[in-house]
PDB file of all heavy atoms in Angstrom:
ATOM      1  N   THR A   1       1.374 -48.435 -63.463  1.00  0.00           N
ATOM      2  CA  THR A   1       0.961 -47.041 -63.563  1.00  0.00           C
ATOM      3  C   THR A   1       0.425 -46.525 -62.236  1.00  0.00           C
ATOM      4  O   THR A   1      -0.345 -47.210 -61.552  1.00  0.00           O
ATOM      5  CB  THR A   1      -0.098 -46.861 -64.653  1.00  0.00           C
ATOM      6  OG1 THR A   1       0.447 -47.303 -65.908  1.00  0.00           O
ATOM      7  CG2 THR A   1      -0.491 -45.401 -64.795  1.00  0.00           C
ATOM      8  N   LEU A   2       0.843 -45.319 -61.907  1.00  0.00           N
ATOM      9  CA  LEU A   2       0.388 -44.586 -60.740  1.00  0.00           C
ATOM     10  C   LEU A   2      -0.534 -43.461 -61.196  1.00  0.00           C
ATOM     11  O   LEU A   2      -0.291 -42.844 -62.236  1.00  0.00           O
ATOM     12  CB  LEU A   2       1.597 -44.001 -60.009  1.00  0.00           C
ATOM     13  CG  LEU A   2       1.342 -43.108 -58.808  1.00  0.00           C
ATOM     14  CD1 LEU A   2       0.875 -43.947 -57.621  1.00  0.00           C
ATOM     15  CD2 LEU A   2       2.609 -42.325 -58.468  1.00  0.00           C
ATOM     16  N   TYR A   3      -1.565 -43.183 -60.408  1.00  0.00           N
ATOM     17  CA  TYR A   3      -2.536 -42.151 -60.756  1.00  0.00           C
ATOM     18  C   TYR A   3      -2.735 -41.171 -59.605  1.00  0.00           C
ATOM     19  O   TYR A   3      -2.565 -41.517 -58.435  1.00  0.00           O
ATOM     20  CB  TYR A   3      -3.900 -42.759 -61.075  1.00  0.00           C
ATOM     21  CG  TYR A   3      -3.892 -43.766 -62.190  1.00  0.00           C
ATOM     22  CD1 TYR A   3      -3.859 -45.129 -61.912  1.00  0.00           C
ATOM     23  CD2 TYR A   3      -3.923 -43.362 -63.517  1.00  0.00           C
ATOM     24  CE1 TYR A   3      -3.860 -46.062 -62.933  1.00  0.00           C
ATOM     25  CE2 TYR A   3      -3.921 -44.285 -64.536  1.00  0.00           C
ATOM     26  CZ  TYR A   3      -3.894 -45.631 -64.247  1.00  0.00           C
ATOM     27  OH  TYR A   3      -3.894 -46.558 -65.254  1.00  0.00           O
ATOM     28  N   LEU A   4      -3.134 -39.967 -59.968  1.00  0.00           N
ATOM     29  CA  LEU A   4      -3.615 -39.007 -58.998  1.00  0.00           C
ATOM     30  C   LEU A   4      -4.875 -38.361 -59.566  1.00  0.00           C
ATOM     31  O   LEU A   4      -4.802 -37.603 -60.532  1.00  0.00           O
ATOM     32  CB  LEU A   4      -2.569 -37.933 -58.684  1.00  0.00           C
ATOM     33  CG  LEU A   4      -2.963 -36.934 -57.598  1.00  0.00           C
ATOM     34  CD1 LEU A   4      -3.046 -37.624 -56.236  1.00  0.00           C
ATOM     35  CD2 LEU A   4      -1.981 -35.770 -57.544  1.00  0.00           C
ATOM     36  N   GLN A   5      -6.008 -38.675 -58.965  1.00  0.00           N
ATOM     37  CA  GLN A   5      -7.265 -38.046 -59.332  1.00  0.00           C
ATOM     38  C   GLN A   5      -7.433 -36.793 -58.487  1.00  0.00           C
ATOM     39  O   GLN A   5      -7.428 -36.873 -57.258  1.00  0.00           O
ATOM     40  CB  GLN A   5      -8.437 -38.999 -59.096  1.00  0.00           C
ATOM     41  CG  GLN A   5      -9.802 -38.405 -59.403  1.00  0.00           C
ATOM     42  CD  GLN A   5     -10.000 -38.127 -60.870  1.00  0.00           C
ATOM     43  OE1 GLN A   5      -9.700 -38.956 -61.712  1.00  0.00           O
ATOM     44  NE2 GLN A   5     -10.502 -36.937 -61.193  1.00  0.00           N
ATOM     45  N   MET A   6      -7.594 -35.657 -59.136  1.00  0.00           N
ATOM     46  CA  MET A   6      -7.697 -34.382 -58.453  1.00  0.00           C
ATOM     47  C   MET A   6      -9.064 -33.778 -58.732  1.00  0.00           C
ATOM     48  O   MET A   6      -9.400 -33.493 -59.887  1.00  0.00           O
ATOM     49  CB  MET A   6      -6.599 -33.430 -58.909  1.00  0.00           C
ATOM     50  CG  MET A   6      -5.194 -33.990 -58.721  1.00  0.00           C
ATOM     51  SD  MET A   6      -3.908 -32.791 -59.151  1.00  0.00           S
ATOM     52  CE  MET A   6      -4.177 -32.687 -60.927  1.00  0.00           C
ATOM     53  N   ASN A   7      -9.845 -33.587 -57.690  1.00  0.00           N
ATOM     54  CA  ASN A   7     -11.173 -32.997 -57.789  1.00  0.00           C
ATOM     55  C   ASN A   7     -11.230 -31.703 -56.987  1.00  0.00           C
ATOM     56  O   ASN A   7     -10.380 -31.438 -56.142  1.00  0.00           O
ATOM     57  CB  ASN A   7     -12.229 -33.964 -57.261  1.00  0.00           C
ATOM     58  CG  ASN A   7     -12.300 -35.250 -58.039  1.00  0.00           C
ATOM     59  OD1 ASN A   7     -12.090 -35.272 -59.250  1.00  0.00           O
ATOM     60  ND2 ASN A   7     -12.614 -36.349 -57.349  1.00  0.00           N
ATOM     61  N   SER A   8     -12.260 -30.918 -57.246  1.00  0.00           N
ATOM     62  CA  SER A   8     -12.476 -29.661 -56.524  1.00  0.00           C
ATOM     63  C   SER A   8     -11.214 -28.812 -56.495  1.00  0.00           C
ATOM     64  O   SER A   8     -10.805 -28.291 -55.455  1.00  0.00           O
ATOM     65  CB  SER A   8     -12.969 -29.948 -55.102  1.00  0.00           C
ATOM     66  OG  SER A   8     -14.171 -30.685 -55.122  1.00  0.00           O
ATOM     67  N   LEU A   9     -10.611 -28.659 -57.634  1.00  0.00           N
ATOM     68  CA  LEU A   9      -9.325 -27.965 -57.708  1.00  0.00           C
ATOM     69  C   LEU A   9      -9.462 -26.484 -57.380  1.00  0.00           C
ATOM     70  O   LEU A   9     -10.465 -25.842 -57.708  1.00  0.00           O
ATOM     71  CB  LEU A   9      -8.708 -28.154 -59.084  1.00  0.00           C
ATOM     72  CG  LEU A   9      -8.108 -29.541 -59.307  1.00  0.00           C
ATOM     73  CD1 LEU A   9      -7.921 -29.819 -60.790  1.00  0.00           C
ATOM     74  CD2 LEU A   9      -6.774 -29.655 -58.571  1.00  0.00           C
ATOM     75  N   LYS A  10      -8.430 -25.970 -56.742  1.00  0.00           N
ATOM     76  CA  LYS A  10      -8.359 -24.588 -56.313  1.00  0.00           C
ATOM     77  C   LYS A  10      -7.165 -23.917 -56.973  1.00  0.00           C
ATOM     78  O   LYS A  10      -6.222 -24.585 -57.393  1.00  0.00           O
ATOM     79  CB  LYS A  10      -8.208 -24.508 -54.790  1.00  0.00           C
ATOM     80  CG  LYS A  10      -9.256 -25.267 -54.013  1.00  0.00           C
ATOM     81  CD  LYS A  10      -8.909 -25.292 -52.535  1.00  0.00           C
ATOM     82  CE  LYS A  10      -9.930 -26.085 -51.742  1.00  0.00           C
ATOM     83  NZ  LYS A  10      -9.584 -26.129 -50.302  1.00  0.00           N
ATOM     84  N   SER A  11      -7.189 -22.598 -57.010  1.00  0.00           N
ATOM     85  CA  SER A  11      -6.076 -21.878 -57.618  1.00  0.00           C
ATOM     86  C   SER A  11      -4.755 -22.204 -56.934  1.00  0.00           C
ATOM     87  O   SER A  11      -3.709 -22.255 -57.597  1.00  0.00           O
ATOM     88  CB  SER A  11      -6.323 -20.375 -57.599  1.00  0.00           C
ATOM     89  OG  SER A  11      -6.471 -19.889 -56.277  1.00  0.00           O
ATOM     90  N   GLU A  12      -4.781 -22.450 -55.633  1.00  0.00           N
ATOM     91  CA  GLU A  12      -3.563 -22.767 -54.920  1.00  0.00           C
ATOM     92  C   GLU A  12      -3.010 -24.153 -55.234  1.00  0.00           C
ATOM     93  O   GLU A  12      -1.919 -24.499 -54.780  1.00  0.00           O
ATOM     94  CB  GLU A  12      -3.755 -22.605 -53.402  1.00  0.00           C
ATOM     95  CG  GLU A  12      -4.940 -23.352 -52.845  1.00  0.00           C
ATOM     96  CD  GLU A  12      -6.166 -22.474 -52.677  1.00  0.00           C
ATOM     97  OE1 GLU A  12      -6.481 -21.705 -53.616  1.00  0.00           O
ATOM     98  OE2 GLU A  12      -6.804 -22.547 -51.609  1.00  0.00           O
ATOM     99  N   ASP A  13      -3.748 -24.943 -56.009  1.00  0.00           N
ATOM    100  CA  ASP A  13      -3.236 -26.221 -56.483  1.00  0.00           C
ATOM    101  C   ASP A  13      -2.354 -26.064 -57.716  1.00  0.00           C
ATOM    102  O   ASP A  13      -1.775 -27.054 -58.181  1.00  0.00           O
ATOM    103  CB  ASP A  13      -4.380 -27.180 -56.805  1.00  0.00           C
ATOM    104  CG  ASP A  13      -5.177 -27.574 -55.576  1.00  0.00           C
ATOM    105  OD1 ASP A  13      -4.562 -27.832 -54.523  1.00  0.00           O
ATOM    106  OD2 ASP A  13      -6.420 -27.633 -55.676  1.00  0.00           O
ATOM    107  N   THR A  14      -2.275 -24.864 -58.254  1.00  0.00           N
ATOM    108  CA  THR A  14      -1.429 -24.623 -59.410  1.00  0.00           C
ATOM    109  C   THR A  14       0.022 -24.927 -59.062  1.00  0.00           C
ATOM    110  O   THR A  14       0.579 -24.366 -58.118  1.00  0.00           O
ATOM    111  CB  THR A  14      -1.563 -23.177 -59.883  1.00  0.00           C
ATOM    112  OG1 THR A  14      -2.899 -22.952 -60.351  1.00  0.00           O
ATOM    113  CG2 THR A  14      -0.596 -22.876 -61.016  1.00  0.00           C
ATOM    114  N   ALA A  15       0.627 -25.822 -59.821  1.00  0.00           N
ATOM    115  CA  ALA A  15       1.976 -26.278 -59.519  1.00  0.00           C
ATOM    116  C   ALA A  15       2.434 -27.221 -60.618  1.00  0.00           C
ATOM    117  O   ALA A  15       1.644 -27.659 -61.464  1.00  0.00           O
ATOM    118  CB  ALA A  15       2.021 -27.003 -58.171  1.00  0.00           C
ATOM    119  N   VAL A  16       3.714 -27.541 -60.577  1.00  0.00           N
ATOM    120  CA  VAL A  16       4.233 -28.656 -61.346  1.00  0.00           C
ATOM    121  C   VAL A  16       4.155 -29.889 -60.464  1.00  0.00           C
ATOM    122  O   VAL A  16       4.632 -29.880 -59.327  1.00  0.00           O
ATOM    123  CB  VAL A  16       5.677 -28.418 -61.808  1.00  0.00           C
ATOM    124  CG1 VAL A  16       6.210 -29.634 -62.554  1.00  0.00           C
ATOM    125  CG2 VAL A  16       5.744 -27.186 -62.709  1.00  0.00           C
ATOM    126  N   TYR A  17       3.560 -30.937 -60.989  1.00  0.00           N
ATOM    127  CA  TYR A  17       3.345 -32.162 -60.235  1.00  0.00           C
ATOM    128  C   TYR A  17       4.309 -33.241 -60.713  1.00  0.00           C
ATOM    129  O   TYR A  17       4.484 -33.439 -61.920  1.00  0.00           O
ATOM    130  CB  TYR A  17       1.902 -32.647 -60.398  1.00  0.00           C
ATOM    131  CG  TYR A  17       0.910 -31.830 -59.610  1.00  0.00           C
ATOM    132  CD1 TYR A  17       0.612 -30.528 -59.975  1.00  0.00           C
ATOM    133  CD2 TYR A  17       0.280 -32.364 -58.486  1.00  0.00           C
ATOM    134  CE1 TYR A  17      -0.284 -29.767 -59.240  1.00  0.00           C
ATOM    135  CE2 TYR A  17      -0.622 -31.611 -57.752  1.00  0.00           C
ATOM    136  CZ  TYR A  17      -0.900 -30.309 -58.127  1.00  0.00           C
ATOM    137  OH  TYR A  17      -1.793 -29.569 -57.398  1.00  0.00           O
ATOM    138  N   TYR A  18       4.906 -33.928 -59.755  1.00  0.00           N
ATOM    139  CA  TYR A  18       5.866 -34.981 -60.041  1.00  0.00           C
ATOM    140  C   TYR A  18       5.449 -36.287 -59.384  1.00  0.00           C
ATOM    141  O   TYR A  18       5.024 -36.292 -58.228  1.00  0.00           O
ATOM    142  CB  TYR A  18       7.251 -34.633 -59.478  1.00  0.00           C
ATOM    143  CG  TYR A  18       7.872 -33.374 -60.014  1.00  0.00           C
ATOM    144  CD1 TYR A  18       7.675 -32.154 -59.386  1.00  0.00           C
ATOM    145  CD2 TYR A  18       8.679 -33.416 -61.146  1.00  0.00           C
ATOM    146  CE1 TYR A  18       8.257 -31.000 -59.868  1.00  0.00           C
ATOM    147  CE2 TYR A  18       9.267 -32.263 -61.636  1.00  0.00           C
ATOM    148  CZ  TYR A  18       9.053 -31.059 -60.989  1.00  0.00           C
ATOM    149  OH  TYR A  18       9.645 -29.913 -61.471  1.00  0.00           O
ATOM    150  N   CYS A  19       5.593 -37.375 -60.093  1.00  0.00           N
ATOM    151  CA  CYS A  19       5.583 -38.664 -59.420  1.00  0.00           C
ATOM    152  C   CYS A  19       7.015 -39.013 -59.042  1.00  0.00           C
ATOM    153  O   CYS A  19       7.975 -38.556 -59.676  1.00  0.00           O
ATOM    154  CB  CYS A  19       4.948 -39.770 -60.270  1.00  0.00           C
ATOM    155  SG  CYS A  19       5.753 -40.106 -61.848  1.00  0.00           S
ATOM    156  N   ALA A  20       7.168 -39.787 -57.998  1.00  0.00           N
ATOM    157  CA  ALA A  20       8.492 -40.070 -57.474  1.00  0.00           C
ATOM    158  C   ALA A  20       8.560 -41.471 -56.889  1.00  0.00           C
ATOM    159  O   ALA A  20       7.618 -41.934 -56.248  1.00  0.00           O
ATOM    160  CB  ALA A  20       8.870 -39.040 -56.403  1.00  0.00           C
ATOM    161  N   LYS A  21       9.679 -42.112 -57.102  1.00  0.00           N
ATOM    162  CA  LYS A  21       9.949 -43.456 -56.621  1.00  0.00           C
ATOM    163  C   LYS A  21      10.909 -43.401 -55.451  1.00  0.00           C
ATOM    164  O   LYS A  21      11.994 -42.816 -55.571  1.00  0.00           O
ATOM    165  CB  LYS A  21      10.564 -44.305 -57.730  1.00  0.00           C
ATOM    166  CG  LYS A  21      11.096 -45.643 -57.264  1.00  0.00           C
ATOM    167  CD  LYS A  21      11.930 -46.307 -58.340  1.00  0.00           C
ATOM    168  CE  LYS A  21      12.620 -47.556 -57.816  1.00  0.00           C
ATOM    169  NZ  LYS A  21      13.642 -47.217 -56.798  1.00  0.00           N
ATOM    170  N   PRO A  22      10.567 -43.996 -54.320  1.00  0.00           N
ATOM    171  CA  PRO A  22      11.518 -44.054 -53.209  1.00  0.00           C
ATOM    172  C   PRO A  22      12.668 -44.995 -53.521  1.00  0.00           C
ATOM    173  O   PRO A  22      12.469 -46.105 -54.018  1.00  0.00           O
ATOM    174  CB  PRO A  22      10.688 -44.600 -52.041  1.00  0.00           C
ATOM    175  CG  PRO A  22       9.259 -44.514 -52.482  1.00  0.00           C
ATOM    176  CD  PRO A  22       9.283 -44.620 -53.977  1.00  0.00           C
ATOM    177  N   GLY A  23      13.879 -44.543 -53.214  1.00  0.00           N
ATOM    178  CA  GLY A  23      15.036 -45.407 -53.298  1.00  0.00           C
ATOM    179  C   GLY A  23      15.332 -46.106 -51.992  1.00  0.00           C
ATOM    180  O   GLY A  23      15.934 -47.170 -51.976  1.00  0.00           O
ATOM    181  N   SER A  24      14.898 -45.493 -50.906  1.00  0.00           N
ATOM    182  CA  SER A  24      15.087 -46.077 -49.592  1.00  0.00           C
ATOM    183  C   SER A  24      13.996 -45.580 -48.666  1.00  0.00           C
ATOM    184  O   SER A  24      13.427 -44.512 -48.876  1.00  0.00           O
ATOM    185  CB  SER A  24      16.467 -45.739 -49.024  1.00  0.00           C
ATOM    186  OG  SER A  24      16.611 -44.347 -48.849  1.00  0.00           O
ATOM    187  N   VAL A  25      13.741 -46.358 -47.646  1.00  0.00           N
ATOM    188  CA  VAL A  25      12.748 -46.014 -46.645  1.00  0.00           C
ATOM    189  C   VAL A  25      13.354 -46.257 -45.272  1.00  0.00           C
ATOM    190  O   VAL A  25      13.900 -47.332 -45.011  1.00  0.00           O
ATOM    191  CB  VAL A  25      11.457 -46.840 -46.789  1.00  0.00           C
ATOM    192  CG1 VAL A  25      10.447 -46.441 -45.725  1.00  0.00           C
ATOM    193  CG2 VAL A  25      10.870 -46.672 -48.178  1.00  0.00           C
ATOM    194  N   THR A  26      13.264 -45.263 -44.429  1.00  0.00           N
ATOM    195  CA  THR A  26      13.698 -45.385 -43.042  1.00  0.00           C
ATOM    196  C   THR A  26      12.485 -45.243 -42.146  1.00  0.00           C
ATOM    197  O   THR A  26      11.711 -44.301 -42.285  1.00  0.00           O
ATOM    198  CB  THR A  26      14.741 -44.322 -42.687  1.00  0.00           C
ATOM    199  OG1 THR A  26      15.862 -44.437 -43.565  1.00  0.00           O
ATOM    200  CG2 THR A  26      15.208 -44.501 -41.248  1.00  0.00           C
ATOM    201  N   ARG A  27      12.329 -46.177 -41.248  1.00  0.00           N
ATOM    202  CA  ARG A  27      11.207 -46.143 -40.314  1.00  0.00           C
ATOM    203  C   ARG A  27      11.707 -45.715 -38.940  1.00  0.00           C
ATOM    204  O   ARG A  27      12.530 -46.398 -38.332  1.00  0.00           O
ATOM    205  CB  ARG A  27      10.528 -47.501 -40.250  1.00  0.00           C
ATOM    206  CG  ARG A  27       9.876 -47.882 -41.571  1.00  0.00           C
ATOM    207  CD  ARG A  27       9.388 -49.318 -41.587  1.00  0.00           C
ATOM    208  NE  ARG A  27       8.721 -49.632 -42.843  1.00  0.00           N
ATOM    209  CZ  ARG A  27       9.344 -49.991 -43.957  1.00  0.00           C
ATOM    210  NH1 ARG A  27      10.664 -50.098 -43.976  1.00  0.00           N
ATOM    211  NH2 ARG A  27       8.648 -50.252 -45.051  1.00  0.00           N
ATOM    212  N   VAL A  28      11.211 -44.592 -38.492  1.00  0.00           N
ATOM    213  CA  VAL A  28      11.621 -44.021 -37.217  1.00  0.00           C
ATOM    214  C   VAL A  28      10.374 -43.617 -36.449  1.00  0.00           C
ATOM    215  O   VAL A  28       9.542 -42.863 -36.959  1.00  0.00           O
ATOM    216  CB  VAL A  28      12.540 -42.801 -37.395  1.00  0.00           C
ATOM    217  CG1 VAL A  28      12.913 -42.220 -36.042  1.00  0.00           C
ATOM    218  CG2 VAL A  28      13.779 -43.177 -38.187  1.00  0.00           C
ATOM    219  N   ALA A  29      10.256 -44.119 -35.236  1.00  0.00           N
ATOM    220  CA  ALA A  29       9.151 -43.744 -34.349  1.00  0.00           C
ATOM    221  C   ALA A  29       7.798 -43.925 -35.030  1.00  0.00           C
ATOM    222  O   ALA A  29       6.904 -43.086 -34.891  1.00  0.00           O
ATOM    223  CB  ALA A  29       9.326 -42.323 -33.843  1.00  0.00           C
ATOM    224  N   GLY A  30       7.670 -45.000 -35.777  1.00  0.00           N
ATOM    225  CA  GLY A  30       6.404 -45.311 -36.402  1.00  0.00           C
ATOM    226  C   GLY A  30       6.104 -44.566 -37.684  1.00  0.00           C
ATOM    227  O   GLY A  30       5.020 -44.751 -38.262  1.00  0.00           O
ATOM    228  N   THR A  31       7.021 -43.731 -38.143  1.00  0.00           N
ATOM    229  CA  THR A  31       6.821 -42.998 -39.382  1.00  0.00           C
ATOM    230  C   THR A  31       7.819 -43.463 -40.429  1.00  0.00           C
ATOM    231  O   THR A  31       8.916 -43.916 -40.104  1.00  0.00           O
ATOM    232  CB  THR A  31       6.953 -41.483 -39.176  1.00  0.00           C
ATOM    233  OG1 THR A  31       8.288 -41.168 -38.751  1.00  0.00           O
ATOM    234  CG2 THR A  31       5.967 -41.003 -38.122  1.00  0.00           C
ATOM    235  N   GLU A  32       7.429 -43.338 -41.687  1.00  0.00           N
ATOM    236  CA  GLU A  32       8.284 -43.713 -42.795  1.00  0.00           C
ATOM    237  C   GLU A  32       8.855 -42.472 -43.466  1.00  0.00           C
ATOM    238  O   GLU A  32       8.130 -41.517 -43.741  1.00  0.00           O
ATOM    239  CB  GLU A  32       7.515 -44.542 -43.819  1.00  0.00           C
ATOM    240  CG  GLU A  32       7.038 -45.872 -43.270  1.00  0.00           C
ATOM    241  CD  GLU A  32       6.405 -46.757 -44.316  1.00  0.00           C
ATOM    242  OE1 GLU A  32       6.065 -46.252 -45.409  1.00  0.00           O
ATOM    243  OE2 GLU A  32       6.241 -47.962 -44.051  1.00  0.00           O
ATOM    244  N   HIS A  33      10.150 -42.502 -43.710  1.00  0.00           N
ATOM    245  CA  HIS A  33      10.847 -41.397 -44.342  1.00  0.00           C
ATOM    246  C   HIS A  33      11.429 -41.890 -45.659  1.00  0.00           C
ATOM    247  O   HIS A  33      12.267 -42.783 -45.679  1.00  0.00           O
ATOM    248  CB  HIS A  33      11.954 -40.869 -43.436  1.00  0.00           C
ATOM    249  CG  HIS A  33      11.451 -40.399 -42.111  1.00  0.00           C
ATOM    250  ND1 HIS A  33      11.185 -39.083 -41.848  1.00  0.00           N
ATOM    251  CD2 HIS A  33      11.159 -41.081 -40.975  1.00  0.00           C
ATOM    252  CE1 HIS A  33      10.758 -38.966 -40.605  1.00  0.00           C
ATOM    253  NE2 HIS A  33      10.722 -40.167 -40.057  1.00  0.00           N
ATOM    254  N   TYR A  34      10.964 -41.300 -46.743  1.00  0.00           N
ATOM    255  CA  TYR A  34      11.396 -41.707 -48.068  1.00  0.00           C
ATOM    256  C   TYR A  34      12.493 -40.797 -48.596  1.00  0.00           C
ATOM    257  O   TYR A  34      12.433 -39.577 -48.433  1.00  0.00           O
ATOM    258  CB  TYR A  34      10.238 -41.655 -49.062  1.00  0.00           C
ATOM    259  CG  TYR A  34       9.106 -42.620 -48.837  1.00  0.00           C
ATOM    260  CD1 TYR A  34       7.917 -42.468 -49.560  1.00  0.00           C
ATOM    261  CD2 TYR A  34       9.198 -43.672 -47.943  1.00  0.00           C
ATOM    262  CE1 TYR A  34       6.860 -43.346 -49.377  1.00  0.00           C
ATOM    263  CE2 TYR A  34       8.144 -44.548 -47.754  1.00  0.00           C
ATOM    264  CZ  TYR A  34       6.979 -44.379 -48.472  1.00  0.00           C
ATOM    265  OH  TYR A  34       5.922 -45.249 -48.294  1.00  0.00           O
ATOM    266  N   GLU A  35      13.460 -41.402 -49.262  1.00  0.00           N
ATOM    267  CA  GLU A  35      14.394 -40.678 -50.102  1.00  0.00           C
ATOM    268  C   GLU A  35      14.130 -41.113 -51.528  1.00  0.00           C
ATOM    269  O   GLU A  35      14.198 -42.298 -51.843  1.00  0.00           O
ATOM    270  CB  GLU A  35      15.841 -40.970 -49.708  1.00  0.00           C
ATOM    271  CG  GLU A  35      16.215 -40.434 -48.343  1.00  0.00           C
ATOM    272  CD  GLU A  35      17.683 -40.588 -48.039  1.00  0.00           C
ATOM    273  OE1 GLU A  35      18.425 -41.101 -48.903  1.00  0.00           O
ATOM    274  OE2 GLU A  35      18.092 -40.195 -46.941  1.00  0.00           O
ATOM    275  N   TYR A  36      13.825 -40.155 -52.388  1.00  0.00           N
ATOM    276  CA  TYR A  36      13.420 -40.466 -53.752  1.00  0.00           C
ATOM    277  C   TYR A  36      14.622 -40.498 -54.675  1.00  0.00           C
ATOM    278  O   TYR A  36      15.411 -39.549 -54.708  1.00  0.00           O
ATOM    279  CB  TYR A  36      12.395 -39.440 -54.233  1.00  0.00           C
ATOM    280  CG  TYR A  36      11.151 -39.419 -53.381  1.00  0.00           C
ATOM    281  CD1 TYR A  36      10.910 -38.391 -52.490  1.00  0.00           C
ATOM    282  CD2 TYR A  36      10.232 -40.458 -53.466  1.00  0.00           C
ATOM    283  CE1 TYR A  36       9.772 -38.387 -51.700  1.00  0.00           C
ATOM    284  CE2 TYR A  36       9.094 -40.463 -52.675  1.00  0.00           C
ATOM    285  CZ  TYR A  36       8.869 -39.422 -51.790  1.00  0.00           C
ATOM    286  OH  TYR A  36       7.738 -39.429 -51.008  1.00  0.00           O
ATOM    287  N   ASP A  37      14.738 -41.568 -55.430  1.00  0.00           N
ATOM    288  CA  ASP A  37      15.871 -41.686 -56.337  1.00  0.00           C
ATOM    289  C   ASP A  37      15.509 -41.464 -57.798  1.00  0.00           C
ATOM    290  O   ASP A  37      16.407 -41.243 -58.617  1.00  0.00           O
ATOM    291  CB  ASP A  37      16.602 -43.024 -56.153  1.00  0.00           C
ATOM    292  CG  ASP A  37      15.738 -44.250 -56.408  1.00  0.00           C
ATOM    293  OD1 ASP A  37      14.523 -44.110 -56.634  1.00  0.00           O
ATOM    294  OD2 ASP A  37      16.294 -45.363 -56.375  1.00  0.00           O
ATOM    295  N   TYR A  38      14.221 -41.522 -58.135  1.00  0.00           N
ATOM    296  CA  TYR A  38      13.794 -41.257 -59.504  1.00  0.00           C
ATOM    297  C   TYR A  38      12.525 -40.436 -59.489  1.00  0.00           C
ATOM    298  O   TYR A  38      11.645 -40.624 -58.640  1.00  0.00           O
ATOM    299  CB  TYR A  38      13.582 -42.556 -60.288  1.00  0.00           C
ATOM    300  CG  TYR A  38      14.872 -43.276 -60.582  1.00  0.00           C
ATOM    301  CD1 TYR A  38      15.326 -44.291 -59.759  1.00  0.00           C
ATOM    302  CD2 TYR A  38      15.651 -42.908 -61.673  1.00  0.00           C
ATOM    303  CE1 TYR A  38      16.517 -44.936 -60.008  1.00  0.00           C
ATOM    304  CE2 TYR A  38      16.847 -43.548 -61.933  1.00  0.00           C
ATOM    305  CZ  TYR A  38      17.278 -44.566 -61.094  1.00  0.00           C
ATOM    306  OH  TYR A  38      18.465 -45.197 -61.354  1.00  0.00           O
ATOM    307  N   TRP A  39      12.437 -39.550 -60.485  1.00  0.00           N
ATOM    308  CA  TRP A  39      11.339 -38.606 -60.602  1.00  0.00           C
ATOM    309  C   TRP A  39      10.785 -38.605 -62.010  1.00  0.00           C
ATOM    310  O   TRP A  39      11.524 -38.776 -62.980  1.00  0.00           O
ATOM    311  CB  TRP A  39      11.803 -37.182 -60.287  1.00  0.00           C
ATOM    312  CG  TRP A  39      12.335 -37.009 -58.902  1.00  0.00           C
ATOM    313  CD1 TRP A  39      13.540 -37.414 -58.421  1.00  0.00           C
ATOM    314  CD2 TRP A  39      11.670 -36.355 -57.816  1.00  0.00           C
ATOM    315  NE1 TRP A  39      13.667 -37.061 -57.103  1.00  0.00           N
ATOM    316  CE2 TRP A  39      12.540 -36.411 -56.711  1.00  0.00           C
ATOM    317  CE3 TRP A  39      10.438 -35.730 -57.685  1.00  0.00           C
ATOM    318  CZ2 TRP A  39      12.197 -35.859 -55.478  1.00  0.00           C
ATOM    319  CZ3 TRP A  39      10.104 -35.186 -56.457  1.00  0.00           C
ATOM    320  CH2 TRP A  39      10.981 -35.251 -55.370  1.00  0.00           C
ATOM    321  N   GLY A  40       9.488 -38.400 -62.120  1.00  0.00           N
ATOM    322  CA  GLY A  40       8.918 -38.115 -63.415  1.00  0.00           C
ATOM    323  C   GLY A  40       9.375 -36.764 -63.918  1.00  0.00           C
ATOM    324  O   GLY A  40      10.008 -35.975 -63.200  1.00  0.00           O
ATOM    325  N   GLN A  41       9.051 -36.485 -65.172  1.00  0.00           N
ATOM    326  CA  GLN A  41       9.516 -35.234 -65.778  1.00  0.00           C
ATOM    327  C   GLN A  41       8.751 -34.016 -65.284  1.00  0.00           C
ATOM    328  O   GLN A  41       9.172 -32.876 -65.527  1.00  0.00           O
ATOM    329  CB  GLN A  41       9.424 -35.326 -67.310  1.00  0.00           C
ATOM    330  CG  GLN A  41       8.033 -35.086 -67.906  1.00  0.00           C
ATOM    331  CD  GLN A  41       7.143 -36.308 -67.937  1.00  0.00           C
ATOM    332  OE1 GLN A  41       7.350 -37.274 -67.211  1.00  0.00           O
ATOM    333  NE2 GLN A  41       6.132 -36.261 -68.801  1.00  0.00           N
ATOM    334  N   GLY A  42       7.657 -34.238 -64.598  1.00  0.00           N
ATOM    335  CA  GLY A  42       6.813 -33.163 -64.119  1.00  0.00           C
ATOM    336  C   GLY A  42       5.767 -32.772 -65.142  1.00  0.00           C
ATOM    337  O   GLY A  42       5.995 -32.814 -66.344  1.00  0.00           O
ATOM    338  N   THR A  43       4.603 -32.394 -64.645  1.00  0.00           N
ATOM    339  CA  THR A  43       3.547 -31.913 -65.527  1.00  0.00           C
ATOM    340  C   THR A  43       2.871 -30.710 -64.877  1.00  0.00           C
ATOM    341  O   THR A  43       2.595 -30.698 -63.674  1.00  0.00           O
ATOM    342  CB  THR A  43       2.530 -33.022 -65.844  1.00  0.00           C
ATOM    343  OG1 THR A  43       1.591 -32.556 -66.818  1.00  0.00           O
ATOM    344  CG2 THR A  43       1.775 -33.481 -64.609  1.00  0.00           C
ATOM    345  N   GLN A  44       2.624 -29.688 -65.681  1.00  0.00           N
ATOM    346  CA  GLN A  44       2.033 -28.450 -65.179  1.00  0.00           C
ATOM    347  C   GLN A  44       0.530 -28.603 -65.001  1.00  0.00           C
ATOM    348  O   GLN A  44      -0.174 -29.049 -65.911  1.00  0.00           O
ATOM    349  CB  GLN A  44       2.313 -27.301 -66.148  1.00  0.00           C
ATOM    350  CG  GLN A  44       1.688 -25.972 -65.737  1.00  0.00           C
ATOM    351  CD  GLN A  44       2.343 -25.368 -64.525  1.00  0.00           C
ATOM    352  OE1 GLN A  44       3.573 -25.300 -64.453  1.00  0.00           O
ATOM    353  NE2 GLN A  44       1.536 -24.937 -63.559  1.00  0.00           N
ATOM    354  N   VAL A  45       0.052 -28.218 -63.835  1.00  0.00           N
ATOM    355  CA  VAL A  45      -1.371 -28.101 -63.561  1.00  0.00           C
ATOM    356  C   VAL A  45      -1.646 -26.642 -63.235  1.00  0.00           C
ATOM    357  O   VAL A  45      -1.063 -26.098 -62.298  1.00  0.00           O
ATOM    358  CB  VAL A  45      -1.810 -29.002 -62.397  1.00  0.00           C
ATOM    359  CG1 VAL A  45      -3.258 -28.707 -62.000  1.00  0.00           C
ATOM    360  CG2 VAL A  45      -1.644 -30.466 -62.775  1.00  0.00           C
ATOM    361  N   THR A  46      -2.505 -26.031 -64.014  1.00  0.00           N
ATOM    362  CA  THR A  46      -2.871 -24.637 -63.792  1.00  0.00           C
ATOM    363  C   THR A  46      -4.367 -24.557 -63.546  1.00  0.00           C
ATOM    364  O   THR A  46      -5.164 -24.997 -64.382  1.00  0.00           O
ATOM    365  CB  THR A  46      -2.487 -23.762 -64.986  1.00  0.00           C
ATOM    366  OG1 THR A  46      -1.082 -23.862 -65.220  1.00  0.00           O
ATOM    367  CG2 THR A  46      -2.858 -22.313 -64.726  1.00  0.00           C
TER     368      THR A  46
END
């Protein structure tokens, strides 16, 4: 299980939130670039 604890929420945080699984990772110049192959169904945060 993955979690996201959200505190001090603001109106601009209103969105549909998705968890996502990387299918591949490319490392370039010290940074990681993810391509996501699976997504959660999304959940509304208002």
